[in-house]
């Protein structure tokens, strides 16, 4: 009985951590979308810069959907998406802080 309860706790924790990782990706995507919108509103991003950043964001979402299509989101796939999100974040920062303004 004790072993069964322990296994259920471990399985629950594993599922919860998987959901947390997926939520982490979604949360980062949402924050980046907000940063782009804020950059447009403040004039830090030109229309062309915002368009390019949004295209990059769409490509990442498409890649993530393809990875999840088989019902699995492996560690390597998560790492790839996280690296893409890291690059996207750097690009947003760079575009918001360059000399171009709308």
C-alpha atoms as a PDB file:
ATOM      1  CA  UNK A   1       0.000   0.000   0.000  1.00  0.00           C
ATOM      2  CA  UNK A   2       2.786   2.427   0.895  1.00  0.00           C
ATOM      3  CA  UNK A   3       4.638   1.625  -2.338  1.00  0.00           C
ATOM      4  CA  UNK A   4       1.492   2.271  -4.378  1.00  0.00           C
ATOM      5  CA  UNK A   5       0.938   5.644  -2.708  1.00  0.00           C
ATOM      6  CA  UNK A   6       4.575   6.606  -3.312  1.00  0.00           C
ATOM      7  CA  UNK A   7       4.327   5.656  -6.979  1.00  0.00           C
ATOM      8  CA  UNK A   8       1.170   7.713  -7.358  1.00  0.00           C
ATOM      9  CA  UNK A   9       2.889  10.728  -5.785  1.00  0.00           C
ATOM     10  CA  UNK A  10       5.870  10.357  -8.101  1.00  0.00           C
ATOM     11  CA  UNK A  11       3.620   9.986 -11.148  1.00  0.00           C
ATOM     12  CA  UNK A  12       1.623  13.042 -10.100  1.00  0.00           C
ATOM     13  CA  UNK A  13       4.771  15.094  -9.615  1.00  0.00           C
ATOM     14  CA  UNK A  14       6.050  14.025 -13.013  1.00  0.00           C
ATOM     15  CA  UNK A  15       2.814  15.046 -14.696  1.00  0.00           C
ATOM     16  CA  UNK A  16       2.757  18.312 -12.807  1.00  0.00           C
ATOM     17  CA  UNK A  17       6.319  19.147 -13.824  1.00  0.00           C
ATOM     18  CA  UNK A  18       5.451  18.419 -17.470  1.00  0.00           C
ATOM     19  CA  UNK A  19       2.493  20.769 -17.242  1.00  0.00           C
ATOM     20  CA  UNK A  20       4.688  23.375 -15.596  1.00  0.00           C
ATOM     21  CA  UNK A  21       7.215  23.172 -18.419  1.00  0.00           C
ATOM     22  CA  UNK A  22       4.463  23.574 -21.006  1.00  0.00           C
ATOM     23  CA  UNK A  23       3.015  26.476 -19.016  1.00  0.00           C
ATOM     24  CA  UNK A  24       6.484  28.007 -18.861  1.00  0.00           C
ATOM     25  CA  UNK A  25       6.750  28.012 -22.664  1.00  0.00           C
ATOM     26  CA  UNK A  26       3.260  29.472 -23.026  1.00  0.00           C
ATOM     27  CA  UNK A  27       3.952  32.096 -20.357  1.00  0.00           C
ATOM     28  CA  UNK A  28       7.147  33.196 -22.086  1.00  0.00           C
ATOM     29  CA  UNK A  29       5.326  33.438 -25.414  1.00  0.00           C
ATOM     30  CA  UNK A  30       2.599  35.552 -23.845  1.00  0.00           C
ATOM     31  CA  UNK A  31       5.130  37.881 -22.178  1.00  0.00           C
ATOM     32  CA  UNK A  32       6.997  38.325 -25.451  1.00  0.00           C
ATOM     33  CA  UNK A  33       3.757  39.193 -27.254  1.00  0.00           C
ATOM     34  CA  UNK A  34       3.091  41.832 -24.578  1.00  0.00           C
ATOM     35  CA  UNK A  35       6.618  43.231 -24.943  1.00  0.00           C
ATOM     36  CA  UNK A  36       6.112  43.621 -28.695  1.00  0.00           C
ATOM     37  CA  UNK A  37       2.737  45.334 -28.174  1.00  0.00           C
ATOM     38  CA  UNK A  38       4.290  47.658 -25.572  1.00  0.00           C
ATOM     39  CA  UNK A  39       7.129  48.480 -27.974  1.00  0.00           C
ATOM     40  CA  UNK A  40       4.654  49.473 -30.670  1.00  0.00           C
ATOM     41  CA  UNK A  41       2.629  51.569 -28.240  1.00  0.00           C
ATOM     42  CA  UNK A  42       5.686  53.390 -26.900  1.00  0.00           C
ATOM     43  CA  UNK A  43       7.144  53.970 -30.352  1.00  0.00           C
ATOM     44  CA  UNK A  44      10.247  51.882 -29.626  1.00  0.00           C
ATOM     45  CA  UNK A  45       9.339  49.489 -32.457  1.00  0.00           C
ATOM     46  CA  UNK A  46       8.595  50.434 -36.044  1.00  0.00           C
ATOM     47  CA  UNK A  47       5.846  48.629 -37.936  1.00  0.00           C
ATOM     48  CA  UNK A  48       8.442  46.653 -39.885  1.00  0.00           C
ATOM     49  CA  UNK A  49      10.303  45.623 -36.741  1.00  0.00           C
ATOM     50  CA  UNK A  50       7.075  44.530 -35.060  1.00  0.00           C
ATOM     51  CA  UNK A  51       6.032  42.596 -38.158  1.00  0.00           C
ATOM     52  CA  UNK A  52       9.369  40.765 -38.273  1.00  0.00           C
ATOM     53  CA  UNK A  53       9.227  39.944 -34.551  1.00  0.00           C
ATOM     54  CA  UNK A  54       5.651  38.672 -34.846  1.00  0.00           C
ATOM     55  CA  UNK A  55       6.603  36.469 -37.799  1.00  0.00           C
ATOM     56  CA  UNK A  56       9.399  35.020 -35.679  1.00  0.00           C
ATOM     57  CA  UNK A  57       6.906  34.372 -32.856  1.00  0.00           C
ATOM     58  CA  UNK A  58       4.506  32.621 -35.261  1.00  0.00           C
ATOM     59  CA  UNK A  59       7.317  30.373 -36.494  1.00  0.00           C
ATOM     60  CA  UNK A  60       8.122  29.351 -32.922  1.00  0.00           C
ATOM     61  CA  UNK A  61       4.461  28.575 -32.193  1.00  0.00           C
ATOM     62  CA  UNK A  62       4.251  26.517 -35.395  1.00  0.00           C
ATOM     63  CA  UNK A  63       7.388  24.611 -34.430  1.00  0.00           C
ATOM     64  CA  UNK A  64       6.004  23.950 -30.947  1.00  0.00           C
ATOM     65  CA  UNK A  65       2.704  22.658 -32.362  1.00  0.00           C
ATOM     66  CA  UNK A  66       4.609  20.313 -34.684  1.00  0.00           C
ATOM     67  CA  UNK A  67       6.612  18.967 -31.753  1.00  0.00           C
ATOM     68  CA  UNK A  68       3.453  18.407 -29.704  1.00  0.00           C
ATOM     69  CA  UNK A  69       1.504  16.814 -32.582  1.00  0.00           C
ATOM     70  CA  UNK A  70       2.574  13.301 -31.625  1.00  0.00           C
ATOM     71  CA  UNK A  71       1.385  13.810 -28.053  1.00  0.00           C
ATOM     72  CA  UNK A  72       4.907  14.129 -26.663  1.00  0.00           C
ATOM     73  CA  UNK A  73       7.031  17.167 -25.919  1.00  0.00           C
ATOM     74  CA  UNK A  74      10.469  15.717 -25.271  1.00  0.00           C
ATOM     75  CA  UNK A  75      13.265  17.348 -23.338  1.00  0.00           C
ATOM     76  CA  UNK A  76      15.197  17.968 -26.582  1.00  0.00           C
ATOM     77  CA  UNK A  77      12.120  19.557 -28.177  1.00  0.00           C
ATOM     78  CA  UNK A  78      11.549  21.774 -25.132  1.00  0.00           C
ATOM     79  CA  UNK A  79      15.210  22.782 -25.199  1.00  0.00           C
ATOM     80  CA  UNK A  80      14.934  23.723 -28.878  1.00  0.00           C
ATOM     81  CA  UNK A  81      11.813  25.815 -28.274  1.00  0.00           C
ATOM     82  CA  UNK A  82      13.408  27.472 -25.226  1.00  0.00           C
ATOM     83  CA  UNK A  83      16.502  28.348 -27.281  1.00  0.00           C
ATOM     84  CA  UNK A  84      14.260  29.853 -29.970  1.00  0.00           C
ATOM     85  CA  UNK A  85      12.429  31.847 -27.299  1.00  0.00           C
ATOM     86  CA  UNK A  86      15.767  33.039 -25.898  1.00  0.00           C
ATOM     87  CA  UNK A  87      16.764  34.309 -29.341  1.00  0.00           C
ATOM     88  CA  UNK A  88      13.371  35.923 -29.805  1.00  0.00           C
ATOM     89  CA  UNK A  89      13.711  37.682 -26.465  1.00  0.00           C
ATOM     90  CA  UNK A  90      17.149  39.011 -27.432  1.00  0.00           C
ATOM     91  CA  UNK A  91      15.751  40.200 -30.783  1.00  0.00           C
ATOM     92  CA  UNK A  92      12.868  42.012 -29.087  1.00  0.00           C
ATOM     93  CA  UNK A  93      15.282  43.749 -26.718  1.00  0.00           C
ATOM     94  CA  UNK A  94      17.641  44.697 -29.542  1.00  0.00           C
ATOM     95  CA  UNK A  95      14.874  46.100 -31.741  1.00  0.00           C
ATOM     96  CA  UNK A  96      13.323  48.058 -28.884  1.00  0.00           C
ATOM     97  CA  UNK A  97      16.671  49.622 -28.005  1.00  0.00           C
ATOM     98  CA  UNK A  98      18.036  50.463 -31.433  1.00  0.00           C
ATOM     99  CA  UNK A  99      17.973  53.946 -32.907  1.00  0.00           C
ATOM    100  CA  UNK A 100      14.835  53.346 -34.994  1.00  0.00           C
ATOM    101  CA  UNK A 101      11.582  54.776 -33.717  1.00  0.00           C
ATOM    102  CA  UNK A 102       8.138  54.979 -35.250  1.00  0.00           C
END
